PDB file of N, CA and C in Angstrom:
ATOM      1  N   TYR A   1       0.843  -1.160   0.000  1.00  0.00           N
ATOM      2  CA  TYR A   1       0.000   0.000   0.000  1.00  0.00           C
ATOM      3  C   TYR A   1       0.896   1.234   0.000  1.00  0.00           C
ATOM      4  N   GLY A   2       0.516   2.214  -0.764  1.00  0.00           N
ATOM      5  CA  GLY A   2       1.327   3.424  -0.817  1.00  0.00           C
ATOM      6  C   GLY A   2       0.838   4.327  -1.917  1.00  0.00           C
ATOM      7  N   ASN A   3       1.613   5.320  -2.193  1.00  0.00           N
ATOM      8  CA  ASN A   3       1.253   6.292  -3.217  1.00  0.00           C
ATOM      9  C   ASN A   3       2.270   6.256  -4.345  1.00  0.00           C
ATOM     10  N   VAL A   4       1.778   6.505  -5.540  1.00  0.00           N
ATOM     11  CA  VAL A   4       2.648   6.632  -6.701  1.00  0.00           C
ATOM     12  C   VAL A   4       2.545   8.076  -7.165  1.00  0.00           C
ATOM     13  N   PRO A   5       3.646   8.792  -7.169  1.00  0.00           N
ATOM     14  CA  PRO A   5       3.568  10.195  -7.585  1.00  0.00           C
ATOM     15  C   PRO A   5       3.361  10.313  -9.094  1.00  0.00           C
ATOM     16  N   TYR A   6       2.491  11.201  -9.476  1.00  0.00           N
ATOM     17  CA  TYR A   6       2.229  11.464 -10.888  1.00  0.00           C
ATOM     18  C   TYR A   6       2.410  12.951 -11.145  1.00  0.00           C
ATOM     19  N   LEU A   7       2.945  13.260 -12.289  1.00  0.00           N
ATOM     20  CA  LEU A   7       3.078  14.646 -12.717  1.00  0.00           C
ATOM     21  C   LEU A   7       2.567  14.717 -14.144  1.00  0.00           C
ATOM     22  N   TYR A   8       1.513  15.450 -14.352  1.00  0.00           N
ATOM     23  CA  TYR A   8       0.936  15.582 -15.682  1.00  0.00           C
ATOM     24  C   TYR A   8       1.253  16.956 -16.233  1.00  0.00           C
ATOM     25  N   LEU A   9       1.834  16.984 -17.398  1.00  0.00           N
ATOM     26  CA  LEU A   9       2.117  18.235 -18.096  1.00  0.00           C
ATOM     27  C   LEU A   9       1.417  18.183 -19.448  1.00  0.00           C
ATOM     28  N   TYR A  10       0.524  19.103 -19.680  1.00  0.00           N
ATOM     29  CA  TYR A  10      -0.194  19.156 -20.947  1.00  0.00           C
ATOM     30  C   TYR A  10       0.105  20.469 -21.638  1.00  0.00           C
ATOM     31  N   ASN A  11       0.213  20.390 -22.933  1.00  0.00           N
ATOM     32  CA  ASN A  11       0.350  21.603 -23.738  1.00  0.00           C
ATOM     33  C   ASN A  11      -0.532  21.439 -24.967  1.00  0.00           C
ATOM     34  N   ASN A  12      -0.364  22.250 -25.967  1.00  0.00           N
ATOM     35  CA  ASN A  12      -1.222  22.178 -27.145  1.00  0.00           C
ATOM     36  C   ASN A  12      -0.956  20.939 -27.991  1.00  0.00           C
ATOM     37  N   PHE A  13       0.140  20.235 -27.755  1.00  0.00           N
ATOM     38  CA  PHE A  13       0.487  19.073 -28.569  1.00  0.00           C
ATOM     39  C   PHE A  13       0.099  17.746 -27.918  1.00  0.00           C
ATOM     40  N   THR A  14      -0.266  17.747 -26.645  1.00  0.00           N
ATOM     41  CA  THR A  14      -0.645  16.516 -25.965  1.00  0.00           C
ATOM     42  C   THR A  14      -2.029  16.649 -25.362  1.00  0.00           C
ATOM     43  N   GLU A  15      -2.651  15.509 -25.127  1.00  0.00           N
ATOM     44  CA  GLU A  15      -3.948  15.490 -24.459  1.00  0.00           C
ATOM     45  C   GLU A  15      -4.037  14.215 -23.628  1.00  0.00           C
ATOM     46  N   PRO A  16      -4.809  14.219 -22.540  1.00  0.00           N
ATOM     47  CA  PRO A  16      -4.916  13.017 -21.707  1.00  0.00           C
ATOM     48  C   PRO A  16      -5.658  11.899 -22.446  1.00  0.00           C
ATOM     49  N   LEU A  17      -5.253  10.661 -22.217  1.00  0.00           N
ATOM     50  CA  LEU A  17      -5.899   9.503 -22.814  1.00  0.00           C
ATOM     51  C   LEU A  17      -6.859   8.894 -21.805  1.00  0.00           C
ATOM     52  N   LYS A  18      -7.856   8.167 -22.300  1.00  0.00           N
ATOM     53  CA  LYS A  18      -8.889   7.593 -21.443  1.00  0.00           C
ATOM     54  C   LYS A  18      -8.676   6.097 -21.280  1.00  0.00           C
ATOM     55  N   ALA A  19      -9.113   5.562 -20.161  1.00  0.00           N
ATOM     56  CA  ALA A  19      -9.096   4.124 -19.916  1.00  0.00           C
ATOM     57  C   ALA A  19     -10.299   3.777 -19.046  1.00  0.00           C
ATOM     58  N   TYR A  20     -10.983   2.696 -19.408  1.00  0.00           N
ATOM     59  CA  TYR A  20     -12.139   2.219 -18.655  1.00  0.00           C
ATOM     60  C   TYR A  20     -11.818   0.818 -18.171  1.00  0.00           C
ATOM     61  N   ARG A  21     -12.036   0.551 -16.871  1.00  0.00           N
ATOM     62  CA  ARG A  21     -11.657  -0.724 -16.273  1.00  0.00           C
ATOM     63  C   ARG A  21     -12.814  -1.314 -15.470  1.00  0.00           C
ATOM     64  N   VAL A  22     -12.862  -2.626 -15.492  1.00  0.00           N
ATOM     65  CA  VAL A  22     -13.773  -3.357 -14.613  1.00  0.00           C
ATOM     66  C   VAL A  22     -13.057  -4.650 -14.236  1.00  0.00           C
ATOM     67  N   GLY A  23     -13.216  -5.060 -12.990  1.00  0.00           N
ATOM     68  CA  GLY A  23     -12.491  -6.253 -12.563  1.00  0.00           C
ATOM     69  C   GLY A  23     -13.185  -6.988 -11.442  1.00  0.00           C
ATOM     70  N   LEU A  24     -12.703  -8.196 -11.217  1.00  0.00           N
ATOM     71  CA  LEU A  24     -13.194  -9.037 -10.137  1.00  0.00           C
ATOM     72  C   LEU A  24     -12.002  -9.520  -9.329  1.00  0.00           C
ATOM     73  N   GLN A  25     -12.175  -9.561  -8.027  1.00  0.00           N
ATOM     74  CA  GLN A  25     -11.157 -10.170  -7.182  1.00  0.00           C
ATOM     75  C   GLN A  25     -11.833 -10.883  -6.020  1.00  0.00           C
ATOM     76  N   TYR A  26     -11.154 -11.902  -5.534  1.00  0.00           N
ATOM     77  CA  TYR A  26     -11.673 -12.738  -4.473  1.00  0.00           C
ATOM     78  C   TYR A  26     -10.490 -13.127  -3.586  1.00  0.00           C
ATOM     79  N   GLN A  27     -10.733 -13.287  -2.301  1.00  0.00           N
ATOM     80  CA  GLN A  27      -9.667 -13.725  -1.397  1.00  0.00           C
ATOM     81  C   GLN A  27     -10.160 -14.901  -0.583  1.00  0.00           C
ATOM     82  N   HIS A  28      -9.323 -15.928  -0.504  1.00  0.00           N
ATOM     83  CA  HIS A  28      -9.667 -17.128   0.268  1.00  0.00           C
ATOM     84  C   HIS A  28      -8.512 -17.442   1.216  1.00  0.00           C
ATOM     85  N   ARG A  29      -8.856 -17.785   2.446  1.00  0.00           N
ATOM     86  CA  ARG A  29      -7.831 -18.109   3.442  1.00  0.00           C
ATOM     87  C   ARG A  29      -7.700 -19.616   3.568  1.00  0.00           C
ATOM     88  N   PHE A  30      -6.444 -20.097   3.583  1.00  0.00           N
ATOM     89  CA  PHE A  30      -6.128 -21.496   3.828  1.00  0.00           C
ATOM     90  C   PHE A  30      -5.420 -21.581   5.170  1.00  0.00           C
ATOM     91  N   GLY A  31      -6.017 -22.296   6.103  1.00  0.00           N
ATOM     92  CA  GLY A  31      -5.434 -22.399   7.432  1.00  0.00           C
ATOM     93  C   GLY A  31      -5.478 -21.061   8.140  1.00  0.00           C
ATOM     94  N   ASP A  32      -4.469 -20.810   8.974  1.00  0.00           N
ATOM     95  CA  ASP A  32      -4.431 -19.555   9.729  1.00  0.00           C
ATOM     96  C   ASP A  32      -3.563 -18.492   9.092  1.00  0.00           C
ATOM     97  N   SER A  33      -2.764 -18.856   8.085  1.00  0.00           N
ATOM     98  CA  SER A  33      -1.783 -17.864   7.651  1.00  0.00           C
ATOM     99  C   SER A  33      -1.605 -17.704   6.143  1.00  0.00           C
ATOM    100  N   PHE A  34      -2.304 -18.468   5.320  1.00  0.00           N
ATOM    101  CA  PHE A  34      -2.137 -18.328   3.874  1.00  0.00           C
ATOM    102  C   PHE A  34      -3.392 -17.744   3.242  1.00  0.00           C
ATOM    103  N   PHE A  35      -3.197 -16.808   2.326  1.00  0.00           N
ATOM    104  CA  PHE A  35      -4.289 -16.189   1.575  1.00  0.00           C
ATOM    105  C   PHE A  35      -3.978 -16.311   0.085  1.00  0.00           C
ATOM    106  N   VAL A  36      -4.989 -16.630  -0.688  1.00  0.00           N
ATOM    107  CA  VAL A  36      -4.865 -16.681  -2.142  1.00  0.00           C
ATOM    108  C   VAL A  36      -5.881 -15.703  -2.708  1.00  0.00           C
ATOM    109  N   ARG A  37      -5.415 -14.802  -3.575  1.00  0.00           N
ATOM    110  CA  ARG A  37      -6.294 -13.788  -4.145  1.00  0.00           C
ATOM    111  C   ARG A  37      -6.175 -13.794  -5.674  1.00  0.00           C
ATOM    112  N   PRO A  38      -7.135 -14.393  -6.384  1.00  0.00           N
ATOM    113  CA  PRO A  38      -7.142 -14.276  -7.841  1.00  0.00           C
ATOM    114  C   PRO A  38      -7.801 -12.957  -8.258  1.00  0.00           C
ATOM    115  N   ILE A  39      -7.251 -12.345  -9.298  1.00  0.00           N
ATOM    116  CA  ILE A  39      -7.752 -11.060  -9.801  1.00  0.00           C
ATOM    117  C   ILE A  39      -7.887 -11.168 -11.316  1.00  0.00           C
ATOM    118  N   PHE A  40      -9.006 -10.704 -11.834  1.00  0.00           N
ATOM    119  CA  PHE A  40      -9.235 -10.626 -13.272  1.00  0.00           C
ATOM    120  C   PHE A  40      -9.663  -9.208 -13.602  1.00  0.00           C
ATOM    121  N   LEU A  41      -9.002  -8.581 -14.558  1.00  0.00           N
ATOM    122  CA  LEU A  41      -9.278  -7.190 -14.903  1.00  0.00           C
ATOM    123  C   LEU A  41      -9.405  -7.053 -16.412  1.00  0.00           C
ATOM    124  N   TYR A  42     -10.469  -6.387 -16.859  1.00  0.00           N
ATOM    125  CA  TYR A  42     -10.654  -6.035 -18.266  1.00  0.00           C
ATOM    126  C   TYR A  42     -10.488  -4.526 -18.389  1.00  0.00           C
ATOM    127  N   GLU A  43      -9.749  -4.100 -19.394  1.00  0.00           N
ATOM    128  CA  GLU A  43      -9.504  -2.674 -19.588  1.00  0.00           C
ATOM    129  C   GLU A  43      -9.706  -2.317 -21.061  1.00  0.00           C
ATOM    130  N   TYR A  44     -10.423  -1.251 -21.291  1.00  0.00           N
ATOM    131  CA  TYR A  44     -10.622  -0.697 -22.633  1.00  0.00           C
ATOM    132  C   TYR A  44      -9.880   0.629 -22.638  1.00  0.00           C
ATOM    133  N   GLU A  45      -8.704   0.654 -23.234  1.00  0.00           N
ATOM    134  CA  GLU A  45      -7.847   1.818 -23.098  1.00  0.00           C
ATOM    135  C   GLU A  45      -7.576   2.490 -24.436  1.00  0.00           C
ATOM    136  N   GLU A  46      -7.437   3.794 -24.354  1.00  0.00           N
ATOM    137  CA  GLU A  46      -7.094   4.609 -25.508  1.00  0.00           C
ATOM    138  C   GLU A  46      -5.570   4.722 -25.533  1.00  0.00           C
ATOM    139  N   TYR A  47      -4.928   4.177 -26.563  1.00  0.00           N
ATOM    140  CA  TYR A  47      -3.468   4.202 -26.590  1.00  0.00           C
ATOM    141  C   TYR A  47      -2.919   5.330 -27.448  1.00  0.00           C
ATOM    142  N   ILE A  48      -3.687   5.810 -28.399  1.00  0.00           N
ATOM    143  CA  ILE A  48      -3.437   7.083 -29.083  1.00  0.00           C
ATOM    144  C   ILE A  48      -4.805   7.727 -29.218  1.00  0.00           C
ATOM    145  N   PRO A  49      -4.894   9.030 -29.395  1.00  0.00           N
ATOM    146  CA  PRO A  49      -6.223   9.663 -29.440  1.00  0.00           C
ATOM    147  C   PRO A  49      -7.160   8.991 -30.448  1.00  0.00           C
ATOM    148  N   SER A  50      -8.338   8.626 -29.967  1.00  0.00           N
ATOM    149  CA  SER A  50      -9.422   7.999 -30.739  1.00  0.00           C
ATOM    150  C   SER A  50      -9.109   6.587 -31.215  1.00  0.00           C
ATOM    151  N   GLU A  51      -8.071   5.941 -30.705  1.00  0.00           N
ATOM    152  CA  GLU A  51      -7.757   4.548 -31.024  1.00  0.00           C
ATOM    153  C   GLU A  51      -7.743   3.754 -29.720  1.00  0.00           C
ATOM    154  N   TYR A  52      -8.603   2.743 -29.640  1.00  0.00           N
ATOM    155  CA  TYR A  52      -8.756   1.966 -28.410  1.00  0.00           C
ATOM    156  C   TYR A  52      -8.314   0.519 -28.621  1.00  0.00           C
ATOM    157  N   ARG A  53      -7.961  -0.141 -27.508  1.00  0.00           N
ATOM    158  CA  ARG A  53      -7.632  -1.566 -27.541  1.00  0.00           C
ATOM    159  C   ARG A  53      -8.170  -2.225 -26.276  1.00  0.00           C
ATOM    160  N   ASN A  54      -8.368  -3.536 -26.359  1.00  0.00           N
ATOM    161  CA  ASN A  54      -8.845  -4.330 -25.231  1.00  0.00           C
ATOM    162  C   ASN A  54      -7.652  -4.979 -24.551  1.00  0.00           C
ATOM    163  N   LYS A  55      -7.645  -4.948 -23.221  1.00  0.00           N
ATOM    164  CA  LYS A  55      -6.589  -5.599 -22.450  1.00  0.00           C
ATOM    165  C   LYS A  55      -7.222  -6.446 -21.360  1.00  0.00           C
ATOM    166  N   PHE A  56      -6.664  -7.634 -21.155  1.00  0.00           N
ATOM    167  CA  PHE A  56      -7.067  -8.508 -20.070  1.00  0.00           C
ATOM    168  C   PHE A  56      -5.862  -8.711 -19.162  1.00  0.00           C
ATOM    169  N   ASN A  57      -6.078  -8.652 -17.865  1.00  0.00           N
ATOM    170  CA  ASN A  57      -5.015  -8.819 -16.894  1.00  0.00           C
ATOM    171  C   ASN A  57      -5.479  -9.841 -15.870  1.00  0.00           C
ATOM    172  N   VAL A  58      -4.670 -10.877 -15.645  1.00  0.00           N
ATOM    173  CA  VAL A  58      -4.980 -11.914 -14.668  1.00  0.00           C
ATOM    174  C   VAL A  58      -3.809 -12.003 -13.702  1.00  0.00           C
ATOM    175  N   GLN A  59      -4.114 -11.988 -12.407  1.00  0.00           N
ATOM    176  CA  GLN A  59      -3.076 -12.078 -11.380  1.00  0.00           C
ATOM    177  C   GLN A  59      -3.498 -13.111 -10.346  1.00  0.00           C
ATOM    178  N   LEU A  60      -2.505 -13.732  -9.754  1.00  0.00           N
ATOM    179  CA  LEU A  60      -2.738 -14.637  -8.636  1.00  0.00           C
ATOM    180  C   LEU A  60      -1.755 -14.249  -7.553  1.00  0.00           C
ATOM    181  N   ILE A  61      -2.276 -13.739  -6.441  1.00  0.00           N
ATOM    182  CA  ILE A  61      -1.436 -13.266  -5.333  1.00  0.00           C
ATOM    183  C   ILE A  61      -1.558 -14.247  -4.176  1.00  0.00           C
ATOM    184  N   VAL A  62      -0.417 -14.745  -3.724  1.00  0.00           N
ATOM    185  CA  VAL A  62      -0.366 -15.649  -2.573  1.00  0.00           C
ATOM    186  C   VAL A  62       0.349 -14.919  -1.449  1.00  0.00           C
ATOM    187  N   THR A  63      -0.288 -14.858  -0.270  1.00  0.00           N
ATOM    188  CA  THR A  63       0.246 -14.126   0.873  1.00  0.00           C
ATOM    189  C   THR A  63       0.340 -15.061   2.077  1.00  0.00           C
ATOM    190  N   LYS A  64       1.425 -14.941   2.819  1.00  0.00           N
ATOM    191  CA  LYS A  64       1.571 -15.661   4.088  1.00  0.00           C
ATOM    192  C   LYS A  64       1.637 -14.644   5.218  1.00  0.00           C
ATOM    193  N   ARG A  65       0.761 -14.774   6.152  1.00  0.00           N
ATOM    194  CA  ARG A  65       0.720 -13.899   7.314  1.00  0.00           C
ATOM    195  C   ARG A  65       1.510 -14.535   8.452  1.00  0.00           C
ATOM    196  N   PHE A  66       2.357 -13.759   9.123  1.00  0.00           N
ATOM    197  CA  PHE A  66       3.105 -14.278  10.268  1.00  0.00           C
ATOM    198  C   PHE A  66       3.236 -13.230  11.339  1.00  0.00           C
TER     199      PHE A  66
END
Protein backbone atom coordinates (compact mmCIF):
# COMPACT_ATOMS: atom_id res chain seq x y z
CA TYR A 1 0.00 0.00 0.00
CA GLY A 2 1.33 3.42 -0.82
CA ASN A 3 1.25 6.29 -3.22
CA VAL A 4 2.65 6.63 -6.70
CA PRO A 5 3.57 10.19 -7.58
CA TYR A 6 2.23 11.46 -10.89
CA LEU A 7 3.08 14.65 -12.72
CA TYR A 8 0.94 15.58 -15.68
CA LEU A 9 2.12 18.23 -18.10
CA TYR A 10 -0.19 19.16 -20.95
CA ASN A 11 0.35 21.60 -23.74
CA ASN A 12 -1.22 22.18 -27.14
CA PHE A 13 0.49 19.07 -28.57
CA THR A 14 -0.64 16.52 -25.97
CA GLU A 15 -3.95 15.49 -24.46
CA PRO A 16 -4.92 13.02 -21.71
CA LEU A 17 -5.90 9.50 -22.81
CA LYS A 18 -8.89 7.59 -21.44
CA ALA A 19 -9.10 4.12 -19.92
CA TYR A 20 -12.14 2.22 -18.65
CA ARG A 21 -11.66 -0.72 -16.27
CA VAL A 22 -13.77 -3.36 -14.61
CA GLY A 23 -12.49 -6.25 -12.56
CA LEU A 24 -13.19 -9.04 -10.14
CA GLN A 25 -11.16 -10.17 -7.18
CA TYR A 26 -11.67 -12.74 -4.47
CA GLN A 27 -9.67 -13.73 -1.40
CA HIS A 28 -9.67 -17.13 0.27
CA ARG A 29 -7.83 -18.11 3.44
CA PHE A 30 -6.13 -21.50 3.83
CA GLY A 31 -5.43 -22.40 7.43
CA ASP A 32 -4.43 -19.56 9.73
CA SER A 33 -1.78 -17.86 7.65
CA PHE A 34 -2.14 -18.33 3.87
CA PHE A 35 -4.29 -16.19 1.58
CA VAL A 36 -4.86 -16.68 -2.14
CA ARG A 37 -6.29 -13.79 -4.14
CA PRO A 38 -7.14 -14.28 -7.84
CA ILE A 39 -7.75 -11.06 -9.80
CA PHE A 40 -9.23 -10.63 -13.27
CA LEU A 41 -9.28 -7.19 -14.90
CA TYR A 42 -10.65 -6.04 -18.27
CA GLU A 43 -9.50 -2.67 -19.59
CA TYR A 44 -10.62 -0.70 -22.63
CA GLU A 45 -7.85 1.82 -23.10
CA GLU A 46 -7.09 4.61 -25.51
CA TYR A 47 -3.47 4.20 -26.59
CA ILE A 48 -3.44 7.08 -29.08
CA PRO A 49 -6.22 9.66 -29.44
CA SER A 50 -9.42 8.00 -30.74
CA GLU A 51 -7.76 4.55 -31.02
CA TYR A 52 -8.76 1.97 -28.41
CA ARG A 53 -7.63 -1.57 -27.54
CA ASN A 54 -8.84 -4.33 -25.23
CA LYS A 55 -6.59 -5.60 -22.45
CA PHE A 56 -7.07 -8.51 -20.07
CA ASN A 57 -5.01 -8.82 -16.89
CA VAL A 58 -4.98 -11.91 -14.67
CA GLN A 59 -3.08 -12.08 -11.38
CA LEU A 60 -2.74 -14.64 -8.64
CA ILE A 61 -1.44 -13.27 -5.33
CA VAL A 62 -0.37 -15.65 -2.57
CA THR A 63 0.25 -14.13 0.87
CA LYS A 64 1.57 -15.66 4.09
CA ARG A 65 0.72 -13.90 7.31
CA PHE A 66 3.10 -14.28 10.27
